[in-house]
PDB file of N, CA and C in Angstrom:
ATOM      1  N   MET A   1       0.836  -1.170   0.000  1.00  0.00           N
ATOM      2  CA  MET A   1       0.000   0.000   0.000  1.00  0.00           C
ATOM      3  C   MET A   1       0.885   1.239   0.000  1.00  0.00           C
ATOM      4  N   ARG A   2       0.507   2.228  -0.798  1.00  0.00           N
ATOM      5  CA  ARG A   2       1.316   3.430  -0.933  1.00  0.00           C
ATOM      6  C   ARG A   2       0.970   4.455   0.133  1.00  0.00           C
ATOM      7  N   ASP A   3       2.007   5.113   0.640  1.00  0.00           N
ATOM      8  CA  ASP A   3       1.834   6.197   1.595  1.00  0.00           C
ATOM      9  C   ASP A   3       1.774   7.502   0.799  1.00  0.00           C
ATOM     10  N   TRP A   4       0.600   8.105   0.692  1.00  0.00           N
ATOM     11  CA  TRP A   4       0.403   9.308  -0.112  1.00  0.00           C
ATOM     12  C   TRP A   4       0.865  10.538   0.629  1.00  0.00           C
ATOM     13  N   SER A   5       1.400  11.486  -0.110  1.00  0.00           N
ATOM     14  CA  SER A   5       1.781  12.770   0.481  1.00  0.00           C
ATOM     15  C   SER A   5       1.042  13.876  -0.246  1.00  0.00           C
ATOM     16  N   VAL A   6       1.069  15.047   0.331  1.00  0.00           N
ATOM     17  CA  VAL A   6       0.376  16.191  -0.263  1.00  0.00           C
ATOM     18  C   VAL A   6       0.926  16.503  -1.646  1.00  0.00           C
ATOM     19  N   THR A   7       2.235  16.331  -1.856  1.00  0.00           N
ATOM     20  CA  THR A   7       2.823  16.651  -3.150  1.00  0.00           C
ATOM     21  C   THR A   7       2.378  15.689  -4.245  1.00  0.00           C
ATOM     22  N   ASP A   8       1.769  14.558  -3.877  1.00  0.00           N
ATOM     23  CA  ASP A   8       1.227  13.664  -4.889  1.00  0.00           C
ATOM     24  C   ASP A   8      -0.015  14.267  -5.539  1.00  0.00           C
ATOM     25  N   PHE A   9      -0.653  15.203  -4.875  1.00  0.00           N
ATOM     26  CA  PHE A   9      -1.905  15.758  -5.373  1.00  0.00           C
ATOM     27  C   PHE A   9      -1.802  17.218  -5.774  1.00  0.00           C
ATOM     28  N   PHE A  10      -0.887  17.951  -5.193  1.00  0.00           N
ATOM     29  CA  PHE A  10      -0.784  19.377  -5.434  1.00  0.00           C
ATOM     30  C   PHE A  10       0.615  19.740  -5.889  1.00  0.00           C
ATOM     31  N   MET A  11       0.676  20.719  -6.769  1.00  0.00           N
ATOM     32  CA  MET A  11       1.964  21.216  -7.220  1.00  0.00           C
ATOM     33  C   MET A  11       1.993  22.719  -6.986  1.00  0.00           C
ATOM     34  N   THR A  12       3.088  23.218  -6.478  1.00  0.00           N
ATOM     35  CA  THR A  12       3.272  24.643  -6.309  1.00  0.00           C
ATOM     36  C   THR A  12       3.912  25.179  -7.578  1.00  0.00           C
ATOM     37  N   ILE A  13       3.262  26.160  -8.184  1.00  0.00           N
ATOM     38  CA  ILE A  13       3.782  26.767  -9.403  1.00  0.00           C
ATOM     39  C   ILE A  13       4.101  28.228  -9.108  1.00  0.00           C
ATOM     40  N   LEU A  14       5.344  28.603  -9.329  1.00  0.00           N
ATOM     41  CA  LEU A  14       5.770  29.986  -9.166  1.00  0.00           C
ATOM     42  C   LEU A  14       5.987  30.584 -10.545  1.00  0.00           C
ATOM     43  N   ASN A  15       5.349  31.693 -10.820  1.00  0.00           N
ATOM     44  CA  ASN A  15       5.523  32.384 -12.095  1.00  0.00           C
ATOM     45  C   ASN A  15       6.539  33.504 -11.938  1.00  0.00           C
ATOM     46  N   TYR A  16       7.351  33.695 -12.973  1.00  0.00           N
ATOM     47  CA  TYR A  16       8.341  34.760 -12.960  1.00  0.00           C
ATOM     48  C   TYR A  16       7.630  36.098 -13.049  1.00  0.00           C
ATOM     49  N   PRO A  17       8.035  37.122 -12.323  1.00  0.00           N
ATOM     50  CA  PRO A  17       9.195  37.213 -11.454  1.00  0.00           C
ATOM     51  C   PRO A  17       8.966  36.533 -10.115  1.00  0.00           C
ATOM     52  N   VAL A  18      10.026  35.948  -9.570  1.00  0.00           N
ATOM     53  CA  VAL A  18       9.963  35.225  -8.303  1.00  0.00           C
ATOM     54  C   VAL A  18      10.688  36.034  -7.233  1.00  0.00           C
ATOM     55  N   LYS A  19      10.037  36.193  -6.095  1.00  0.00           N
ATOM     56  CA  LYS A  19      10.651  36.930  -4.985  1.00  0.00           C
ATOM     57  C   LYS A  19      11.281  35.956  -3.991  1.00  0.00           C
ATOM     58  N   ARG A  20      12.234  36.477  -3.258  1.00  0.00           N
ATOM     59  CA  ARG A  20      12.918  35.668  -2.241  1.00  0.00           C
ATOM     60  C   ARG A  20      11.944  35.095  -1.221  1.00  0.00           C
ATOM     61  N   SER A  21      10.961  35.898  -0.820  1.00  0.00           N
ATOM     62  CA  SER A  21      10.006  35.434   0.195  1.00  0.00           C
ATOM     63  C   SER A  21       9.211  34.229  -0.293  1.00  0.00           C
ATOM     64  N   ALA A  22       8.855  34.207  -1.578  1.00  0.00           N
ATOM     65  CA  ALA A  22       8.127  33.060  -2.134  1.00  0.00           C
ATOM     66  C   ALA A  22       9.000  31.811  -2.127  1.00  0.00           C
ATOM     67  N   LEU A  23      10.268  31.971  -2.483  1.00  0.00           N
ATOM     68  CA  LEU A  23      11.171  30.817  -2.467  1.00  0.00           C
ATOM     69  C   LEU A  23      11.458  30.351  -1.054  1.00  0.00           C
ATOM     70  N   ALA A  24      11.527  31.266  -0.104  1.00  0.00           N
ATOM     71  CA  ALA A  24      11.735  30.873   1.293  1.00  0.00           C
ATOM     72  C   ALA A  24      10.600  29.958   1.744  1.00  0.00           C
ATOM     73  N   LYS A  25       9.369  30.282   1.350  1.00  0.00           N
ATOM     74  CA  LYS A  25       8.221  29.431   1.707  1.00  0.00           C
ATOM     75  C   LYS A  25       8.343  28.062   1.065  1.00  0.00           C
ATOM     76  N   VAL A  26       8.760  28.027  -0.190  1.00  0.00           N
ATOM     77  CA  VAL A  26       8.906  26.757  -0.911  1.00  0.00           C
ATOM     78  C   VAL A  26       9.968  25.877  -0.257  1.00  0.00           C
ATOM     79  N   TYR A  27      11.068  26.486   0.164  1.00  0.00           N
ATOM     80  CA  TYR A  27      12.147  25.739   0.810  1.00  0.00           C
ATOM     81  C   TYR A  27      11.898  25.545   2.308  1.00  0.00           C
ATOM     82  N   ARG A  28      10.801  26.095   2.804  1.00  0.00           N
ATOM     83  CA  ARG A  28      10.373  25.955   4.201  1.00  0.00           C
ATOM     84  C   ARG A  28      11.416  26.441   5.201  1.00  0.00           C
ATOM     85  N   VAL A  29      11.929  27.651   4.921  1.00  0.00           N
ATOM     86  CA  VAL A  29      12.845  28.321   5.839  1.00  0.00           C
ATOM     87  C   VAL A  29      12.383  29.768   5.982  1.00  0.00           C
ATOM     88  N   SER A  30      12.898  30.447   6.983  1.00  0.00           N
ATOM     89  CA  SER A  30      12.542  31.854   7.169  1.00  0.00           C
ATOM     90  C   SER A  30      13.196  32.685   6.073  1.00  0.00           C
ATOM     91  N   PRO A  31      12.626  33.851   5.766  1.00  0.00           N
ATOM     92  CA  PRO A  31      13.249  34.726   4.764  1.00  0.00           C
ATOM     93  C   PRO A  31      14.695  35.098   5.123  1.00  0.00           C
ATOM     94  N   ASN A  32      14.976  35.299   6.405  1.00  0.00           N
ATOM     95  CA  ASN A  32      16.346  35.632   6.809  1.00  0.00           C
ATOM     96  C   ASN A  32      17.308  34.473   6.550  1.00  0.00           C
ATOM     97  N   THR A  33      16.879  33.261   6.839  1.00  0.00           N
ATOM     98  CA  THR A  33      17.709  32.086   6.573  1.00  0.00           C
ATOM     99  C   THR A  33      17.944  31.932   5.080  1.00  0.00           C
ATOM    100  N   PHE A  34      16.893  32.136   4.297  1.00  0.00           N
ATOM    101  CA  PHE A  34      17.020  31.998   2.847  1.00  0.00           C
ATOM    102  C   PHE A  34      17.979  33.048   2.289  1.00  0.00           C
ATOM    103  N   THR A  35      17.882  34.279   2.775  1.00  0.00           N
ATOM    104  CA  THR A  35      18.791  35.339   2.338  1.00  0.00           C
ATOM    105  C   THR A  35      20.234  34.983   2.682  1.00  0.00           C
ATOM    106  N   ALA A  36      20.453  34.415   3.857  1.00  0.00           N
ATOM    107  CA  ALA A  36      21.802  33.994   4.242  1.00  0.00           C
ATOM    108  C   ALA A  36      22.319  32.904   3.303  1.00  0.00           C
ATOM    109  N   ARG A  37      21.455  31.970   2.932  1.00  0.00           N
ATOM    110  CA  ARG A  37      21.863  30.908   1.999  1.00  0.00           C
ATOM    111  C   ARG A  37      22.197  31.492   0.629  1.00  0.00           C
ATOM    112  N   LEU A  38      21.436  32.504   0.212  1.00  0.00           N
ATOM    113  CA  LEU A  38      21.721  33.129  -1.075  1.00  0.00           C
ATOM    114  C   LEU A  38      23.070  33.849  -1.049  1.00  0.00           C
ATOM    115  N   ARG A  39      23.380  34.473   0.056  1.00  0.00           N
ATOM    116  CA  ARG A  39      24.693  35.135   0.177  1.00  0.00           C
ATOM    117  C   ARG A  39      25.828  34.124   0.061  1.00  0.00           C
ATOM    118  N   GLU A  40      25.612  32.903   0.561  1.00  0.00           N
ATOM    119  CA  GLU A  40      26.630  31.845   0.451  1.00  0.00           C
ATOM    120  C   GLU A  40      26.960  31.520  -1.003  1.00  0.00           C
ATOM    121  N   ILE A  41      25.983  31.683  -1.889  1.00  0.00           N
ATOM    122  CA  ILE A  41      26.218  31.402  -3.314  1.00  0.00           C
ATOM    123  C   ILE A  41      26.319  32.697  -4.123  1.00  0.00           C
ATOM    124  N   GLU A  42      26.631  33.787  -3.403  1.00  0.00           N
ATOM    125  CA  GLU A  42      26.937  35.089  -4.002  1.00  0.00           C
ATOM    126  C   GLU A  42      25.765  35.735  -4.735  1.00  0.00           C
ATOM    127  N   ILE A  43      24.581  35.597  -4.179  1.00  0.00           N
ATOM    128  CA  ILE A  43      23.415  36.349  -4.652  1.00  0.00           C
ATOM    129  C   ILE A  43      23.093  37.344  -3.544  1.00  0.00           C
ATOM    130  N   ASN A  44      23.415  38.612  -3.785  1.00  0.00           N
ATOM    131  CA  ASN A  44      23.365  39.609  -2.722  1.00  0.00           C
ATOM    132  C   ASN A  44      22.486  40.816  -3.029  1.00  0.00           C
ATOM    133  N   HIS A  45      21.637  40.767  -4.012  1.00  0.00           N
ATOM    134  CA  HIS A  45      20.936  41.977  -4.408  1.00  0.00           C
ATOM    135  C   HIS A  45      19.422  41.880  -4.237  1.00  0.00           C
ATOM    136  N   THR A  46      18.662  42.422  -5.132  1.00  0.00           N
ATOM    137  CA  THR A  46      17.233  42.692  -4.988  1.00  0.00           C
ATOM    138  C   THR A  46      16.373  41.528  -4.528  1.00  0.00           C
ATOM    139  N   ARG A  47      15.145  41.864  -4.160  1.00  0.00           N
ATOM    140  CA  ARG A  47      14.179  40.847  -3.718  1.00  0.00           C
ATOM    141  C   ARG A  47      13.717  39.964  -4.865  1.00  0.00           C
ATOM    142  N   THR A  48      13.577  40.563  -6.053  1.00  0.00           N
ATOM    143  CA  THR A  48      13.156  39.796  -7.223  1.00  0.00           C
ATOM    144  C   THR A  48      14.391  39.172  -7.853  1.00  0.00           C
ATOM    145  N   LEU A  49      14.322  37.876  -8.085  1.00  0.00           N
ATOM    146  CA  LEU A  49      15.472  37.123  -8.584  1.00  0.00           C
ATOM    147  C   LEU A  49      15.434  37.005 -10.102  1.00  0.00           C
ATOM    148  N   SER A  50      16.579  37.110 -10.730  1.00  0.00           N
ATOM    149  CA  SER A  50      16.674  36.980 -12.184  1.00  0.00           C
ATOM    150  C   SER A  50      16.644  35.497 -12.560  1.00  0.00           C
ATOM    151  N   PRO A  51      16.391  35.195 -13.837  1.00  0.00           N
ATOM    152  CA  PRO A  51      16.460  33.793 -14.268  1.00  0.00           C
ATOM    153  C   PRO A  51      17.832  33.160 -13.984  1.00  0.00           C
ATOM    154  N   ALA A  52      18.906  33.934 -14.132  1.00  0.00           N
ATOM    155  CA  ALA A  52      20.242  33.406 -13.837  1.00  0.00           C
ATOM    156  C   ALA A  52      20.372  33.078 -12.345  1.00  0.00           C
ATOM    157  N   ASP A  53      19.812  33.946 -11.494  1.00  0.00           N
ATOM    158  CA  ASP A  53      19.823  33.678 -10.052  1.00  0.00           C
ATOM    159  C   ASP A  53      19.056  32.407  -9.736  1.00  0.00           C
ATOM    160  N   LEU A  54      17.896  32.237 -10.361  1.00  0.00           N
ATOM    161  CA  LEU A  54      17.078  31.044 -10.115  1.00  0.00           C
ATOM    162  C   LEU A  54      17.816  29.778 -10.524  1.00  0.00           C
ATOM    163  N   ARG A  55      18.503  29.827 -11.670  1.00  0.00           N
ATOM    164  CA  ARG A  55      19.283  28.659 -12.110  1.00  0.00           C
ATOM    165  C   ARG A  55      20.377  28.329 -11.096  1.00  0.00           C
ATOM    166  N   LYS A  56      21.019  29.361 -10.558  1.00  0.00           N
ATOM    167  CA  LYS A  56      22.084  29.164  -9.578  1.00  0.00           C
ATOM    168  C   LYS A  56      21.539  28.552  -8.290  1.00  0.00           C
ATOM    169  N   ILE A  57      20.371  29.025  -7.849  1.00  0.00           N
ATOM    170  CA  ILE A  57      19.742  28.486  -6.640  1.00  0.00           C
ATOM    171  C   ILE A  57      19.405  27.012  -6.833  1.00  0.00           C
ATOM    172  N   ILE A  58      18.774  26.696  -7.962  1.00  0.00           N
ATOM    173  CA  ILE A  58      18.368  25.311  -8.232  1.00  0.00           C
ATOM    174  C   ILE A  58      19.597  24.411  -8.376  1.00  0.00           C
ATOM    175  N   ALA A  59      20.670  24.913  -8.995  1.00  0.00           N
ATOM    176  CA  ALA A  59      21.895  24.126  -9.141  1.00  0.00           C
ATOM    177  C   ALA A  59      22.515  23.806  -7.783  1.00  0.00           C
ATOM    178  N   ASN A  60      22.403  24.737  -6.839  1.00  0.00           N
ATOM    179  CA  ASN A  60      23.022  24.550  -5.525  1.00  0.00           C
ATOM    180  C   ASN A  60      22.129  23.837  -4.519  1.00  0.00           C
ATOM    181  N   TYR A  61      20.825  24.082  -4.577  1.00  0.00           N
ATOM    182  CA  TYR A  61      19.924  23.558  -3.545  1.00  0.00           C
ATOM    183  C   TYR A  61      18.826  22.645  -4.084  1.00  0.00           C
ATOM    184  N   ASP A  62      18.840  22.352  -5.364  1.00  0.00           N
ATOM    185  CA  ASP A  62      17.771  21.579  -6.011  1.00  0.00           C
ATOM    186  C   ASP A  62      16.427  22.271  -5.799  1.00  0.00           C
ATOM    187  N   LEU A  63      15.436  21.807  -6.489  1.00  0.00           N
ATOM    188  CA  LEU A  63      14.082  22.345  -6.339  1.00  0.00           C
ATOM    189  C   LEU A  63      13.275  21.321  -5.552  1.00  0.00           C
ATOM    190  N   PRO A  64      12.590  21.751  -4.504  1.00  0.00           N
ATOM    191  CA  PRO A  64      11.801  20.791  -3.736  1.00  0.00           C
ATOM    192  C   PRO A  64      10.784  20.068  -4.629  1.00  0.00           C
ATOM    193  N   SER A  65      10.467  18.832  -4.282  1.00  0.00           N
ATOM    194  CA  SER A  65       9.500  18.084  -5.090  1.00  0.00           C
ATOM    195  C   SER A  65       8.141  18.785  -5.040  1.00  0.00           C
ATOM    196  N   GLY A  66       7.444  18.737  -6.138  1.00  0.00           N
ATOM    197  CA  GLY A  66       6.132  19.356  -6.226  1.00  0.00           C
ATOM    198  C   GLY A  66       6.176  20.850  -6.499  1.00  0.00           C
ATOM    199  N   VAL A  67       7.333  21.369  -6.916  1.00  0.00           N
ATOM    200  CA  VAL A  67       7.469  22.800  -7.193  1.00  0.00           C
ATOM    201  C   VAL A  67       7.917  22.984  -8.622  1.00  0.00           C
ATOM    202  N   GLU A  68       7.298  23.946  -9.309  1.00  0.00           N
ATOM    203  CA  GLU A  68       7.662  24.285 -10.668  1.00  0.00           C
ATOM    204  C   GLU A  68       7.803  25.795 -10.759  1.00  0.00           C
ATOM    205  N   ILE A  69       8.832  26.256 -11.464  1.00  0.00           N
ATOM    206  CA  ILE A  69       9.020  27.680 -11.701  1.00  0.00           C
ATOM    207  C   ILE A  69       8.851  27.915 -13.180  1.00  0.00           C
ATOM    208  N   ARG A  70       7.951  28.825 -13.529  1.00  0.00           N
ATOM    209  CA  ARG A  70       7.701  29.151 -14.928  1.00  0.00           C
ATOM    210  C   ARG A  70       8.293  30.521 -15.243  1.00  0.00           C
ATOM    211  N   LEU A  71       9.200  30.530 -16.213  1.00  0.00           N
ATOM    212  CA  LEU A  71       9.826  31.789 -16.615  1.00  0.00           C
ATOM    213  C   LEU A  71       9.084  32.427 -17.754  1.00  0.00           C
TER     214      LEU A  71
END
């Protein structure tokens, strides 16, 4: 018997432009923690992330299951 999870039924879709606060929710961390993680990978600027920034985040931290970003 399969153990179902919420992500089996629902998908979170983020449309560009994507803000840091939205990604913090997706990664289930506080905005301050997420900002600190972004600084670790040298993303230090605006709240709205560029497509290049998003690629860098996904390359370093993967995208949580059940999440899609549409550019």
